[in-house]
Structure formats: structure tokens, C-alpha cells
N, C-alpha and C. Protein backbone atom coordinates (compact mmCIF):
# COMPACT_ATOMS: atom_id res chain seq x y z
N MET A 1 -7.30 146.73 170.14
CA MET A 1 -8.88 146.32 170.14
C MET A 1 -9.81 147.50 170.40
N HIS A 2 -9.46 148.64 171.08
CA HIS A 2 -10.13 149.50 171.25
C HIS A 2 -10.08 150.50 170.02
N GLY A 3 -9.17 150.60 169.20
CA GLY A 3 -8.59 151.40 167.75
C GLY A 3 -7.59 152.00 167.90
N TYR A 4 -7.11 151.82 169.20
CA TYR A 4 -5.45 152.61 169.41
C TYR A 4 -4.36 151.92 168.92
N ARG A 5 -3.51 152.76 168.23
CA ARG A 5 -2.16 152.28 167.94
C ARG A 5 -1.42 152.02 169.27
N PRO A 6 -0.58 150.99 169.20
CA PRO A 6 0.46 150.82 170.50
C PRO A 6 1.08 151.92 170.72
N GLY A 7 1.15 152.54 171.86
CA GLY A 7 1.89 153.77 172.45
C GLY A 7 1.21 154.90 171.78
N GLU A 8 0.00 154.93 171.59
CA GLU A 8 -0.48 156.27 171.05
C GLU A 8 -1.16 156.65 172.22
N ILE A 9 -1.70 156.22 172.99
CA ILE A 9 -2.32 156.99 174.25
C ILE A 9 -1.84 156.07 175.54
N GLU A 10 -2.07 156.54 176.71
CA GLU A 10 -1.60 156.17 178.09
C GLU A 10 -3.16 155.68 178.25
N PRO A 11 -2.92 154.20 178.66
CA PRO A 11 -4.54 153.65 178.97
C PRO A 11 -4.76 153.84 180.50
N THR A 12 -5.95 154.61 180.73
CA THR A 12 -6.29 154.62 181.99
C THR A 12 -7.57 154.29 182.29
N THR A 13 -7.82 154.36 183.57
CA THR A 13 -9.38 153.79 183.95
C THR A 13 -10.38 154.58 183.33
N GLU A 14 -10.14 155.99 183.56
CA GLU A 14 -11.29 156.78 182.85
C GLU A 14 -11.49 156.57 181.42
N LEU A 15 -10.35 156.59 180.72
CA LEU A 15 -10.29 156.33 179.05
C LEU A 15 -11.06 154.79 178.82
N LEU A 16 -10.70 153.99 179.59
CA LEU A 16 -11.13 152.67 179.32
C LEU A 16 -12.75 152.62 179.83
N LEU A 17 -13.15 153.38 180.65
CA LEU A 17 -14.80 153.52 181.07
C LEU A 17 -15.49 154.25 180.21
N ALA A 18 -14.78 155.28 179.34
CA ALA A 18 -15.47 156.06 178.54
C ALA A 18 -15.93 155.47 177.44
N HIS A 19 -14.82 154.04 176.79
CA HIS A 19 -15.59 153.46 175.83
C HIS A 19 -16.40 152.32 176.24
N LYS A 20 -16.48 152.35 177.46
CA LYS A 20 -17.81 151.26 177.99
C LYS A 20 -19.15 151.64 177.33
N HIS A 21 -19.77 150.59 176.87
CA HIS A 21 -21.32 150.77 176.28
C HIS A 21 -22.02 151.58 177.56
N PRO A 22 -22.63 152.40 177.19
CA PRO A 22 -23.46 153.40 178.42
C PRO A 22 -24.30 152.17 179.02
N ALA A 23 -24.82 151.39 178.64
CA ALA A 23 -25.74 150.35 179.65
C ALA A 23 -24.74 149.54 180.32
N ASP A 24 -23.65 149.39 180.10
CA ASP A 24 -22.59 148.47 180.90
C ASP A 24 -21.83 149.14 181.71
N ARG A 25 -21.76 150.39 181.57
CA ARG A 25 -20.38 151.53 182.13
C ARG A 25 -20.57 151.43 183.65
N GLU A 26 -21.57 151.71 184.40
CA GLU A 26 -21.35 151.80 185.85
C GLU A 26 -21.17 150.22 186.20
N HIS A 27 -21.71 149.12 185.54
CA HIS A 27 -21.49 147.93 186.31
C HIS A 27 -20.05 147.66 186.13
N VAL A 28 -19.19 147.92 185.00
CA VAL A 28 -18.20 147.68 184.74
C VAL A 28 -17.19 148.41 185.83
N ALA A 29 -17.57 149.80 186.05
CA ALA A 29 -16.87 150.49 186.87
C ALA A 29 -16.74 150.02 188.50
N ALA A 30 -18.01 149.58 188.87
CA ALA A 30 -18.43 148.90 190.15
C ALA A 30 -17.17 147.84 190.45
N ALA A 31 -17.44 146.84 189.30
CA ALA A 31 -16.49 145.56 189.38
C ALA A 31 -15.12 146.08 189.28
N PHE A 32 -14.65 146.99 188.74
CA PHE A 32 -13.17 147.23 188.76
C PHE A 32 -12.45 147.83 190.00
N ALA A 33 -13.78 148.98 190.80
CA ALA A 33 -13.41 149.68 192.05
C ALA A 33 -13.30 148.18 193.14
N ARG A 34 -14.28 147.41 193.03
CA ARG A 34 -14.47 146.07 193.67
C ARG A 34 -13.03 145.41 193.89
N SER A 35 -12.72 145.19 192.60
CA SER A 35 -11.53 144.45 192.52
C SER A 35 -10.34 145.03 193.03
N ILE A 36 -9.89 146.55 192.98
CA ILE A 36 -8.73 147.14 193.55
C ILE A 36 -8.91 147.24 195.05
N GLU A 37 -10.16 147.35 195.68
CA GLU A 37 -10.56 147.65 197.03
C GLU A 37 -10.17 146.25 197.74
N ARG A 38 -10.58 145.19 197.28
CA ARG A 38 -10.54 144.12 197.74
C ARG A 38 -9.46 143.22 197.40
N GLY A 39 -8.83 143.75 196.46
CA GLY A 39 -7.56 142.99 196.02
C GLY A 39 -7.59 141.41 195.19
N GLU A 40 -9.00 141.64 194.68
CA GLU A 40 -9.58 140.48 193.99
C GLU A 40 -9.13 140.59 192.47
N PRO A 41 -9.10 139.28 191.91
CA PRO A 41 -9.15 139.34 190.23
C PRO A 41 -10.27 140.34 189.71
N PHE A 42 -10.22 140.89 188.47
CA PHE A 42 -11.36 141.50 187.86
C PHE A 42 -11.94 140.55 186.73
N SER A 43 -13.08 140.31 186.56
CA SER A 43 -13.65 139.83 185.36
C SER A 43 -15.04 140.00 185.28
N SER A 44 -15.28 140.31 183.76
CA SER A 44 -16.36 141.05 183.59
C SER A 44 -16.92 140.45 181.97
N GLN A 45 -18.11 140.53 181.68
CA GLN A 45 -18.63 140.43 180.28
C GLN A 45 -19.37 141.56 180.18
N HIS A 46 -18.78 142.37 178.76
CA HIS A 46 -19.86 143.71 178.77
C HIS A 46 -19.40 143.93 177.39
N ARG A 47 -19.81 145.24 176.91
CA ARG A 47 -19.77 145.62 175.67
C ARG A 47 -18.87 147.17 175.79
N PHE A 48 -18.19 147.21 174.64
CA PHE A 48 -17.52 148.77 174.63
C PHE A 48 -17.56 149.31 173.12
N ILE A 49 -17.33 150.33 173.05
CA ILE A 49 -17.38 151.29 171.62
C ILE A 49 -16.10 151.43 171.32
N ASP A 50 -15.23 151.08 170.27
CA ASP A 50 -14.19 151.38 170.06
C ASP A 50 -14.21 152.76 169.05
N THR A 51 -12.95 152.91 168.62
CA THR A 51 -12.66 154.53 167.96
C THR A 51 -13.37 154.78 166.60
N SER A 52 -13.89 153.53 166.13
CA SER A 52 -14.76 153.72 164.63
C SER A 52 -16.12 153.74 165.11
N GLY A 53 -16.51 153.31 166.18
CA GLY A 53 -17.95 153.46 166.75
C GLY A 53 -18.52 152.19 166.90
N ASP A 54 -17.82 150.92 166.55
CA ASP A 54 -18.25 149.68 166.59
C ASP A 54 -18.26 149.37 167.82
N GLU A 55 -19.48 148.39 168.23
CA GLU A 55 -19.43 147.85 169.20
C GLU A 55 -18.93 146.40 169.34
N HIS A 56 -18.23 146.30 170.36
CA HIS A 56 -17.71 144.73 170.59
C HIS A 56 -18.05 144.28 171.96
N LYS A 57 -18.51 142.79 171.98
CA LYS A 57 -19.11 142.05 173.13
C LYS A 57 -17.78 141.22 173.76
N VAL A 58 -17.26 141.46 174.87
CA VAL A 58 -15.97 141.16 175.28
C VAL A 58 -15.98 140.39 176.72
N MET A 59 -15.15 139.59 176.78
CA MET A 59 -14.94 139.11 178.36
C MET A 59 -13.51 139.56 178.93
N VAL A 60 -13.36 140.35 179.93
CA VAL A 60 -12.11 140.67 180.55
C VAL A 60 -11.73 140.19 181.58
N VAL A 61 -10.57 139.55 181.66
CA VAL A 61 -10.14 138.96 182.90
C VAL A 61 -8.72 139.68 183.28
N ALA A 62 -8.84 140.26 184.71
CA ALA A 62 -7.64 140.90 184.76
C ALA A 62 -7.30 140.57 186.26
N ASP A 63 -6.03 140.94 186.70
CA ASP A 63 -5.59 140.96 188.05
C ASP A 63 -5.25 142.35 188.84
N ARG A 64 -4.76 142.47 189.78
CA ARG A 64 -4.61 143.64 190.36
C ARG A 64 -3.00 143.95 190.23
N ILE A 65 -2.33 144.64 189.82
CA ILE A 65 -0.74 144.98 190.20
C ILE A 65 -0.37 145.85 191.44
N ASP A 66 0.15 145.52 192.31
CA ASP A 66 0.75 145.98 193.38
C ASP A 66 2.12 146.61 193.41
N ASP A 67 2.32 147.79 194.07
CA ASP A 67 3.60 148.33 194.24
C ASP A 67 4.45 147.55 195.44
N ASP A 68 5.61 147.60 195.69
CA ASP A 68 6.45 146.95 196.80
C ASP A 68 5.80 146.81 198.12
N THR A 69 4.73 148.24 198.11
CA THR A 69 4.28 148.38 199.60
C THR A 69 2.95 147.50 199.68
N GLY A 70 2.39 147.12 198.46
CA GLY A 70 1.24 146.30 198.60
C GLY A 70 0.14 147.44 197.98
N VAL A 71 0.20 148.44 197.63
CA VAL A 71 -0.59 149.58 197.00
C VAL A 71 -1.00 149.25 195.59
N ALA A 72 -2.16 149.11 195.33
CA ALA A 72 -2.68 149.09 194.12
C ALA A 72 -2.34 150.06 193.19
N VAL A 73 -1.47 149.72 191.64
CA VAL A 73 -1.19 150.79 191.05
C VAL A 73 -1.38 150.63 189.42
N GLY A 74 -2.48 149.44 189.28
CA GLY A 74 -2.86 149.09 188.06
C GLY A 74 -3.40 147.87 187.99
N THR A 75 -3.77 147.31 186.81
CA THR A 75 -4.09 145.92 186.52
C THR A 75 -3.51 145.41 185.10
N ALA A 76 -3.31 143.93 185.00
CA ALA A 76 -3.14 143.52 184.13
C ALA A 76 -3.80 142.19 183.70
N GLY A 77 -3.98 141.87 182.49
CA GLY A 77 -5.12 140.97 182.15
C GLY A 77 -5.21 140.91 180.26
N PHE A 78 -6.38 140.50 180.21
CA PHE A 78 -6.56 140.09 178.64
C PHE A 78 -8.20 140.45 178.14
N TYR A 79 -8.48 140.72 177.11
CA TYR A 79 -9.83 141.09 176.67
C TYR A 79 -9.91 139.76 175.57
N ILE A 80 -11.08 139.12 175.61
CA ILE A 80 -11.47 138.37 174.43
C ILE A 80 -12.52 138.89 174.07
N ASP A 81 -12.60 138.97 172.54
CA ASP A 81 -13.61 139.76 171.85
C ASP A 81 -14.83 138.59 171.62
N LEU A 82 -15.88 138.61 171.86
CA LEU A 82 -16.78 137.59 171.68
C LEU A 82 -17.56 138.19 170.73
N SER A 83 -17.69 138.95 170.07
CA SER A 83 -18.52 139.53 168.92
C SER A 83 -18.92 138.35 167.95
N GLY A 84 -17.78 138.00 167.28
CA GLY A 84 -17.55 137.21 166.31
C GLY A 84 -18.29 135.76 166.64
N THR A 85 -17.68 135.26 167.74
CA THR A 85 -18.14 134.30 168.32
C THR A 85 -19.48 133.88 168.64
N LEU A 86 -20.20 134.82 169.28
CA LEU A 86 -21.64 135.07 169.60
C LEU A 86 -22.53 134.94 168.34
N ALA A 87 -22.05 135.78 167.41
CA ALA A 87 -22.96 135.99 165.91
C ALA A 87 -22.92 134.81 165.13
N GLN A 88 -21.55 134.11 165.20
CA GLN A 88 -21.42 132.87 164.70
C GLN A 88 -22.12 131.26 165.18
N ASN A 89 -22.51 131.89 166.56
CA ASN A 89 -22.94 130.59 167.50
C ASN A 89 -24.66 130.96 167.10
N ARG A 90 -25.02 132.11 167.22
CA ARG A 90 -26.58 132.42 166.57
C ARG A 90 -26.76 131.99 165.23
N ARG A 91 -26.01 131.90 164.39
CA ARG A 91 -26.20 131.73 163.05
C ARG A 91 -26.11 130.10 162.86
N ASP A 92 -25.25 129.37 163.62
CA ASP A 92 -25.17 128.25 163.58
C ASP A 92 -26.55 127.67 164.27
N THR A 93 -26.76 128.24 165.33
CA THR A 93 -28.26 127.44 165.99
C THR A 93 -29.47 127.58 165.20
N ILE A 94 -29.27 128.54 164.47
CA ILE A 94 -30.78 129.13 163.62
C ILE A 94 -30.56 128.07 162.65
N ALA A 95 -29.24 127.90 161.89
CA ALA A 95 -29.25 126.96 160.73
C ALA A 95 -29.70 125.59 161.10
N GLU A 96 -29.27 124.88 162.30
CA GLU A 96 -29.44 123.78 162.92
C GLU A 96 -31.00 123.67 163.21
N GLU A 97 -31.78 124.70 164.13
CA GLU A 97 -33.00 124.59 164.59
C GLU A 97 -34.17 124.85 163.43
N LEU A 98 -33.88 125.56 162.60
CA LEU A 98 -34.75 126.26 161.44
C LEU A 98 -35.34 125.23 160.67
N PRO A 99 -34.64 124.28 160.18
CA PRO A 99 -35.45 123.27 159.46
C PRO A 99 -36.51 122.27 160.40
N GLU A 100 -35.83 122.06 161.84
CA GLU A 100 -36.73 121.18 162.60
C GLU A 100 -37.96 121.98 163.03
N MET A 101 -37.66 123.08 162.98
CA MET A 101 -38.79 124.13 163.51
C MET A 101 -40.32 124.42 162.67
N ILE A 102 -39.46 124.34 161.11
CA ILE A 102 -40.20 124.44 160.43
C ILE A 102 -41.08 123.41 159.83
N GLU A 103 -40.45 122.44 160.22
CA GLU A 103 -40.99 120.62 159.97
C GLU A 103 -42.50 120.81 161.10
N ALA A 104 -41.91 120.86 162.18
CA ALA A 104 -42.75 121.08 163.44
C ALA A 104 -44.15 121.89 163.09
N ARG A 105 -43.86 122.74 162.91
CA ARG A 105 -44.80 124.05 162.59
C ARG A 105 -45.75 123.71 161.25
N ALA A 106 -45.19 122.85 160.19
CA ALA A 106 -46.08 122.43 159.00
C ALA A 106 -47.09 121.22 159.38
N VAL A 107 -46.89 120.34 160.45
CA VAL A 107 -47.48 119.41 160.62
C VAL A 107 -48.72 120.12 161.69
N ILE A 108 -48.52 120.92 162.51
CA ILE A 108 -48.97 121.57 163.43
C ILE A 108 -50.22 122.61 162.62
N GLU A 109 -49.64 122.76 161.35
CA GLU A 109 -50.71 123.42 160.71
C GLU A 109 -51.53 122.54 159.58
N GLN A 110 -51.20 121.33 159.62
CA GLN A 110 -52.13 120.30 158.99
C GLN A 110 -52.92 120.08 159.84
N ALA A 111 -52.56 119.78 161.22
CA ALA A 111 -53.51 119.29 162.07
C ALA A 111 -54.58 120.29 162.45
N LYS A 112 -54.17 121.68 162.34
CA LYS A 112 -54.95 122.71 162.46
C LYS A 112 -56.36 122.69 161.27
N GLY A 113 -55.72 122.38 160.27
CA GLY A 113 -56.73 122.46 159.22
C GLY A 113 -57.61 120.99 159.35
N VAL A 114 -57.20 120.16 159.76
CA VAL A 114 -57.97 118.96 159.84
C VAL A 114 -59.30 119.43 160.94
N LEU A 115 -58.69 119.92 161.94
CA LEU A 115 -59.63 120.40 162.78
C LEU A 115 -60.52 121.55 162.53
N MET A 116 -60.02 122.33 161.65
CA MET A 116 -61.01 123.31 161.30
C MET A 116 -61.89 122.77 160.33
N ARG A 117 -61.59 122.03 159.57
CA ARG A 117 -62.78 121.19 158.35
C ARG A 117 -63.53 120.34 159.33
N MET A 118 -63.11 119.56 159.94
CA MET A 118 -64.03 118.50 160.67
C MET A 118 -65.03 119.03 161.51
N TYR A 119 -64.89 120.06 162.35
CA TYR A 119 -65.44 120.84 163.44
C TYR A 119 -65.93 122.43 163.10
N ARG A 120 -65.54 122.75 161.90
CA ARG A 120 -65.78 124.07 161.45
C ARG A 120 -65.27 125.06 162.34
N LEU A 121 -64.14 125.09 162.83
CA LEU A 121 -63.41 125.90 163.61
C LEU A 121 -62.71 127.10 163.05
N ASN A 122 -62.30 127.84 163.50
CA ASN A 122 -61.48 128.94 163.00
C ASN A 122 -59.72 128.57 163.47
N ALA A 123 -58.79 129.33 162.78
CA ALA A 123 -57.29 128.92 163.31
C ALA A 123 -57.23 128.86 164.55
N SER A 124 -57.52 129.95 165.21
CA SER A 124 -57.16 129.90 166.55
C SER A 124 -57.84 129.44 167.52
N GLN A 125 -58.99 128.89 167.16
CA GLN A 125 -60.02 127.87 167.91
C GLN A 125 -59.10 126.31 167.84
N ALA A 126 -58.63 126.11 166.31
CA ALA A 126 -58.16 124.73 166.29
C ALA A 126 -56.92 124.65 166.96
N PHE A 127 -55.97 125.59 167.05
CA PHE A 127 -54.80 125.58 167.74
C PHE A 127 -55.09 125.54 169.41
N ASP A 128 -56.33 126.42 169.59
CA ASP A 128 -56.15 125.98 171.11
C ASP A 128 -56.77 124.46 171.80
N VAL A 129 -57.59 124.07 170.56
CA VAL A 129 -58.06 122.84 170.79
C VAL A 129 -56.83 121.67 171.05
N LEU A 130 -55.87 121.97 169.96
CA LEU A 130 -54.47 121.18 170.04
C LEU A 130 -53.62 121.49 171.23
N VAL A 131 -53.68 122.67 171.70
CA VAL A 131 -52.94 123.06 172.88
C VAL A 131 -53.59 122.33 174.10
N TRP A 132 -54.97 122.24 174.21
CA TRP A 132 -55.62 122.08 175.15
C TRP A 132 -55.31 120.39 175.40
N GLN A 133 -55.21 119.52 174.11
CA GLN A 133 -55.16 118.04 174.19
C GLN A 133 -53.80 117.78 174.55
N SER A 134 -53.18 118.69 174.00
CA SER A 134 -51.40 118.23 174.45
C SER A 134 -51.28 118.39 175.87
N GLN A 135 -52.02 119.51 176.71
CA GLN A 135 -51.77 119.64 178.07
C GLN A 135 -52.37 118.50 178.77
N GLN A 136 -53.46 118.15 178.36
CA GLN A 136 -54.58 117.17 178.90
C GLN A 136 -53.67 115.76 178.89
N THR A 137 -53.25 115.61 177.95
CA THR A 137 -52.37 114.16 177.45
C THR A 137 -50.98 113.89 177.83
N ASN A 138 -50.35 115.10 178.15
CA ASN A 138 -48.96 115.32 178.46
C ASN A 138 -48.29 114.69 176.78
N VAL A 139 -48.61 115.12 175.84
CA VAL A 139 -48.05 114.84 174.90
C VAL A 139 -47.68 116.16 174.33
N LYS A 140 -46.32 116.27 173.72
CA LYS A 140 -45.58 117.19 172.79
C LYS A 140 -46.88 117.59 171.81
N LEU A 141 -47.03 119.10 171.48
CA LEU A 141 -47.93 119.44 170.41
C LEU A 141 -47.55 118.84 169.01
N ARG A 142 -46.23 118.94 168.95
CA ARG A 142 -45.89 118.22 167.31
C ARG A 142 -46.26 116.69 167.37
N ASP A 143 -46.01 116.07 168.56
CA ASP A 143 -46.25 114.57 168.52
C ASP A 143 -47.81 114.44 168.42
N LEU A 144 -48.64 115.08 168.95
CA LEU A 144 -49.98 115.16 168.79
C LEU A 144 -50.38 115.25 167.28
N ALA A 145 -49.82 116.45 166.76
CA ALA A 145 -50.28 116.97 165.49
C ALA A 145 -49.92 115.66 164.45
N GLU A 146 -48.78 115.00 164.60
CA GLU A 146 -48.31 113.98 163.90
C GLU A 146 -49.23 112.74 164.07
N GLN A 147 -49.69 112.50 165.46
CA GLN A 147 -50.54 111.50 165.42
C GLN A 147 -51.92 111.75 164.84
N LEU A 148 -52.35 112.90 164.98
CA LEU A 148 -53.81 113.07 164.29
C LEU A 148 -53.51 113.10 162.85
N ILE A 149 -52.64 113.27 162.22
CA ILE A 149 -52.27 113.38 160.81
C ILE A 149 -52.30 112.07 160.39
N ALA A 150 -51.52 111.11 161.13
CA ALA A 150 -51.35 109.60 160.65
C ALA A 150 -52.88 108.90 161.03
N GLU A 151 -53.67 109.24 161.87
CA GLU A 151 -54.95 108.54 161.93
C GLU A 151 -55.94 109.10 161.04
N ILE A 152 -55.86 109.92 160.04
CA ILE A 152 -56.81 110.49 159.16
C ILE A 152 -57.21 109.39 157.95
N PRO A 153 -56.50 108.64 157.53
CA PRO A 153 -56.96 107.61 156.85
C PRO A 153 -58.00 106.38 157.60
N ALA A 154 -57.71 106.25 158.71
CA ALA A 154 -58.68 105.62 159.30
C ALA A 154 -60.13 106.02 159.71
N LEU A 155 -60.29 107.52 159.28
CA LEU A 155 -61.56 108.18 159.91
C LEU A 155 -62.60 107.89 158.53
N PRO A 156 -64.00 107.79 158.73
CA PRO A 156 -64.70 107.41 157.87
C PRO A 156 -64.66 109.04 157.12
N PRO A 157 -65.17 109.05 155.79
CA PRO A 157 -65.22 109.94 154.84
C PRO A 157 -66.01 111.20 155.47
N LEU A 158 -65.93 112.36 155.14
CA LEU A 158 -66.67 113.23 155.48
C LEU A 158 -67.84 113.61 154.54
N ARG A 159 -68.95 113.90 154.94
CA ARG A 159 -69.78 114.20 153.96
C ARG A 159 -69.89 115.70 153.66
N PRO A 160 -70.34 115.80 152.42
CA PRO A 160 -70.32 117.48 152.02
C PRO A 160 -70.83 118.34 153.14
N VAL A 161 -70.58 119.46 153.08
CA VAL A 161 -71.41 120.57 153.82
C VAL A 161 -71.95 121.26 153.10
N TRP A 162 -72.16 121.46 151.75
CA TRP A 162 -72.92 122.36 151.04
C TRP A 162 -74.35 121.71 150.68
């Protein structure tokens, strides 16, 4: 995972810490030291940089290995590379949420346009009116905008402004 071939290097704490993302290195070192000191399992979610310079987001779960006298001599565990998983989850969430967000934004923009025309407001003022009414009535902004648009046919015709 770090970019070395099996048997190419002797994995040491120093080498593993050298690969940690600079912003994560200190917290990983502290968690590792605490694990060895207290004899507790080690778990961390952090980033590391492989030999090619690529960043990986990983979860590490490990336990201390003791010799026959109970002295810590190393750790054994595993890495789970979350990089692809997190990126795919982000893409899935955007693909799922984006159409609904665009639809919600469209009806809000329509409601703003109605308020702008009826009350000669600018876009910012119209949005502020919608937000204020949403808060006063405890109705979601999108629902309020949909209600306003649905009630337009019941309004009397506007007289020309020129």
C-alpha cells in the first residue's frame, strides 16, 4: 500500500511515520505511543503519502505484539484504504442530492421573481422576505416557495407599471 515490494524494506515506526501526511503525523505518533505505553489496541483514521507521492485516506487497526516477558516488540494489524470509498460515496451523494437541490432552487427562484415583480424588490430583498416568512411560519423555504407559486392563479391580475 505504501509502494514498497514485499521484503524490500524493514518496516519501522520511523518509516511509517515518515509516510504520514504532515497534518496527521503528530496525532498518529501520539496514538501509536499511547498504544504501546498502555498495551491497548491501536486505531486511527488518517492520511499517508505513498512512494509515488499519492495520498491515501486509511483506517488502521492494530494490536501490540509482546515478547515472552510482556515487553512490546511491535504491532500487527491492517490498513483499509478508504480513498476510493470516500470519493465514490461523495459522487453518489452528489448524484442523488443534486437533482433535488436544483429543483428546490428553481422554485425558490420563481418565488423570488414573483415577489420582485409584485413588490418591486431586488433579488436579495425578495430572498430575505422568503426567509423571514419561512422562519415566522416554521415552514421550509422550498415548501413556502411552492405554496406561493401554486397560489399565483388565484391572485388578481397586476396592473401595468409603466
